[in-house]
Amino acid sequence: MEDIDPDHMTLLGELLNEIAHNIIRHCPAGCEFDCSVMLHDDVAEVTQYNSVTHPADKK
Protein backbone atom coordinates (compact mmCIF):
# COMPACT_ATOMS: atom_id res chain seq x y z
CA MET A 1 0.00 0.00 0.00
CA GLU A 2 1.32 3.43 -0.91
CA ASP A 3 1.55 6.29 1.54
CA ILE A 4 -1.06 9.00 1.08
CA ASP A 5 0.27 12.41 0.06
CA PRO A 6 0.19 14.75 3.10
CA ASP A 7 -1.66 17.40 1.06
CA HIS A 8 -4.35 14.85 0.22
CA MET A 9 -4.61 13.88 3.89
CA THR A 10 -5.10 17.54 4.82
CA LEU A 11 -7.81 17.93 2.19
CA LEU A 12 -9.50 14.69 3.28
CA GLY A 13 -9.38 15.79 6.92
CA GLU A 14 -11.03 19.11 6.03
CA LEU A 15 -13.70 17.28 4.02
CA LEU A 16 -14.47 14.88 6.87
CA ASN A 17 -14.61 17.79 9.31
CA GLU A 18 -17.19 19.52 7.07
CA ILE A 19 -19.22 16.31 6.81
CA ALA A 20 -19.20 15.93 10.61
CA HIS A 21 -20.40 19.52 11.03
CA ASN A 22 -23.20 18.92 8.49
CA ILE A 23 -24.29 15.78 10.34
CA ILE A 24 -24.37 17.71 13.63
CA ARG A 25 -26.24 20.60 12.01
CA HIS A 26 -28.87 18.62 10.09
CA CYS A 27 -29.33 15.27 11.85
CA PRO A 28 -31.67 15.59 14.86
CA ALA A 29 -30.29 14.36 18.17
CA GLY A 30 -30.88 10.66 18.60
CA CYS A 31 -31.06 9.89 14.88
CA GLU A 32 -28.79 7.24 13.46
CA PHE A 33 -26.20 8.21 10.88
CA ASP A 34 -23.32 6.58 9.12
CA CYS A 35 -20.41 7.81 7.06
CA SER A 36 -18.04 5.74 4.97
CA VAL A 37 -14.94 6.84 3.12
CA MET A 38 -13.23 4.89 0.34
CA LEU A 39 -9.85 6.03 -0.97
CA HIS A 40 -8.48 4.93 -4.31
CA ASP A 41 -5.57 6.62 -6.07
CA ASP A 42 -6.53 10.31 -6.28
CA VAL A 43 -10.23 9.74 -5.57
CA ALA A 44 -12.09 9.89 -2.26
CA GLU A 45 -15.66 8.60 -2.25
CA VAL A 46 -17.64 9.73 0.78
CA THR A 47 -21.12 8.38 1.55
CA GLN A 48 -23.07 9.90 4.42
CA TYR A 49 -26.63 9.00 5.29
CA ASN A 50 -28.93 9.27 8.26
CA SER A 51 -32.31 7.89 9.32
CA VAL A 52 -35.35 9.47 7.75
CA THR A 53 -37.38 9.66 10.95
CA HIS A 54 -36.54 10.74 14.45
CA PRO A 55 -36.49 7.85 16.97
CA ALA A 56 -39.27 9.52 19.00
CA ASP A 57 -41.52 9.33 15.91
CA LYS A 58 -41.16 5.54 15.63
CA LYS A 59 -44.09 3.61 17.03
C-alpha atoms as a PDB file:
ATOM      1  CA  MET A   1       0.000   0.000   0.000  1.00  0.00           C
ATOM      2  CA  GLU A   2       1.325   3.433  -0.913  1.00  0.00           C
ATOM      3  CA  ASP A   3       1.554   6.294   1.543  1.00  0.00           C
ATOM      4  CA  ILE A   4      -1.059   8.999   1.084  1.00  0.00           C
ATOM      5  CA  ASP A   5       0.271  12.407   0.064  1.00  0.00           C
ATOM      6  CA  PRO A   6       0.185  14.753   3.104  1.00  0.00           C
ATOM      7  CA  ASP A   7      -1.662  17.404   1.060  1.00  0.00           C
ATOM      8  CA  HIS A   8      -4.350  14.853   0.219  1.00  0.00           C
ATOM      9  CA  MET A   9      -4.607  13.883   3.891  1.00  0.00           C
ATOM     10  CA  THR A  10      -5.099  17.543   4.824  1.00  0.00           C
ATOM     11  CA  LEU A  11      -7.814  17.932   2.191  1.00  0.00           C
ATOM     12  CA  LEU A  12      -9.497  14.688   3.278  1.00  0.00           C
ATOM     13  CA  GLY A  13      -9.384  15.788   6.923  1.00  0.00           C
ATOM     14  CA  GLU A  14     -11.033  19.111   6.032  1.00  0.00           C
ATOM     15  CA  LEU A  15     -13.696  17.282   4.022  1.00  0.00           C
ATOM     16  CA  LEU A  16     -14.470  14.878   6.874  1.00  0.00           C
ATOM     17  CA  ASN A  17     -14.610  17.793   9.312  1.00  0.00           C
ATOM     18  CA  GLU A  18     -17.191  19.517   7.074  1.00  0.00           C
ATOM     19  CA  ILE A  19     -19.219  16.306   6.812  1.00  0.00           C
ATOM     20  CA  ALA A  20     -19.204  15.932  10.611  1.00  0.00           C
ATOM     21  CA  HIS A  21     -20.404  19.518  11.030  1.00  0.00           C
ATOM     22  CA  ASN A  22     -23.198  18.915   8.494  1.00  0.00           C
ATOM     23  CA  ILE A  23     -24.288  15.778  10.345  1.00  0.00           C
ATOM     24  CA  ILE A  24     -24.369  17.706  13.630  1.00  0.00           C
ATOM     25  CA  ARG A  25     -26.244  20.601  12.010  1.00  0.00           C
ATOM     26  CA  HIS A  26     -28.873  18.618  10.090  1.00  0.00           C
ATOM     27  CA  CYS A  27     -29.335  15.272  11.853  1.00  0.00           C
ATOM     28  CA  PRO A  28     -31.670  15.588  14.861  1.00  0.00           C
ATOM     29  CA  ALA A  29     -30.295  14.355  18.174  1.00  0.00           C
ATOM     30  CA  GLY A  30     -30.885  10.656  18.605  1.00  0.00           C
ATOM     31  CA  CYS A  31     -31.062   9.888  14.885  1.00  0.00           C
ATOM     32  CA  GLU A  32     -28.790   7.240  13.458  1.00  0.00           C
ATOM     33  CA  PHE A  33     -26.197   8.214  10.880  1.00  0.00           C
ATOM     34  CA  ASP A  34     -23.324   6.583   9.118  1.00  0.00           C
ATOM     35  CA  CYS A  35     -20.411   7.810   7.062  1.00  0.00           C
ATOM     36  CA  SER A  36     -18.044   5.744   4.970  1.00  0.00           C
ATOM     37  CA  VAL A  37     -14.939   6.836   3.119  1.00  0.00           C
ATOM     38  CA  MET A  38     -13.226   4.891   0.340  1.00  0.00           C
ATOM     39  CA  LEU A  39      -9.852   6.035  -0.969  1.00  0.00           C
ATOM     40  CA  HIS A  40      -8.480   4.934  -4.315  1.00  0.00           C
ATOM     41  CA  ASP A  41      -5.569   6.622  -6.073  1.00  0.00           C
ATOM     42  CA  ASP A  42      -6.529  10.312  -6.281  1.00  0.00           C
ATOM     43  CA  VAL A  43     -10.228   9.739  -5.566  1.00  0.00           C
ATOM     44  CA  ALA A  44     -12.094   9.891  -2.255  1.00  0.00           C
ATOM     45  CA  GLU A  45     -15.662   8.599  -2.253  1.00  0.00           C
ATOM     46  CA  VAL A  46     -17.644   9.726   0.781  1.00  0.00           C
ATOM     47  CA  THR A  47     -21.121   8.384   1.551  1.00  0.00           C
ATOM     48  CA  GLN A  48     -23.071   9.900   4.422  1.00  0.00           C
ATOM     49  CA  TYR A  49     -26.629   9.001   5.294  1.00  0.00           C
ATOM     50  CA  ASN A  50     -28.934   9.266   8.259  1.00  0.00           C
ATOM     51  CA  SER A  51     -32.305   7.886   9.320  1.00  0.00           C
ATOM     52  CA  VAL A  52     -35.349   9.468   7.752  1.00  0.00           C
ATOM     53  CA  THR A  53     -37.380   9.664  10.954  1.00  0.00           C
ATOM     54  CA  HIS A  54     -36.536  10.743  14.454  1.00  0.00           C
ATOM     55  CA  PRO A  55     -36.486   7.851  16.971  1.00  0.00           C
ATOM     56  CA  ALA A  56     -39.271   9.525  18.998  1.00  0.00           C
ATOM     57  CA  ASP A  57     -41.523   9.330  15.910  1.00  0.00           C
ATOM     58  CA  LYS A  58     -41.164   5.539  15.635  1.00  0.00           C
ATOM     59  CA  LYS A  59     -44.090   3.608  17.028  1.00  0.00           C
END
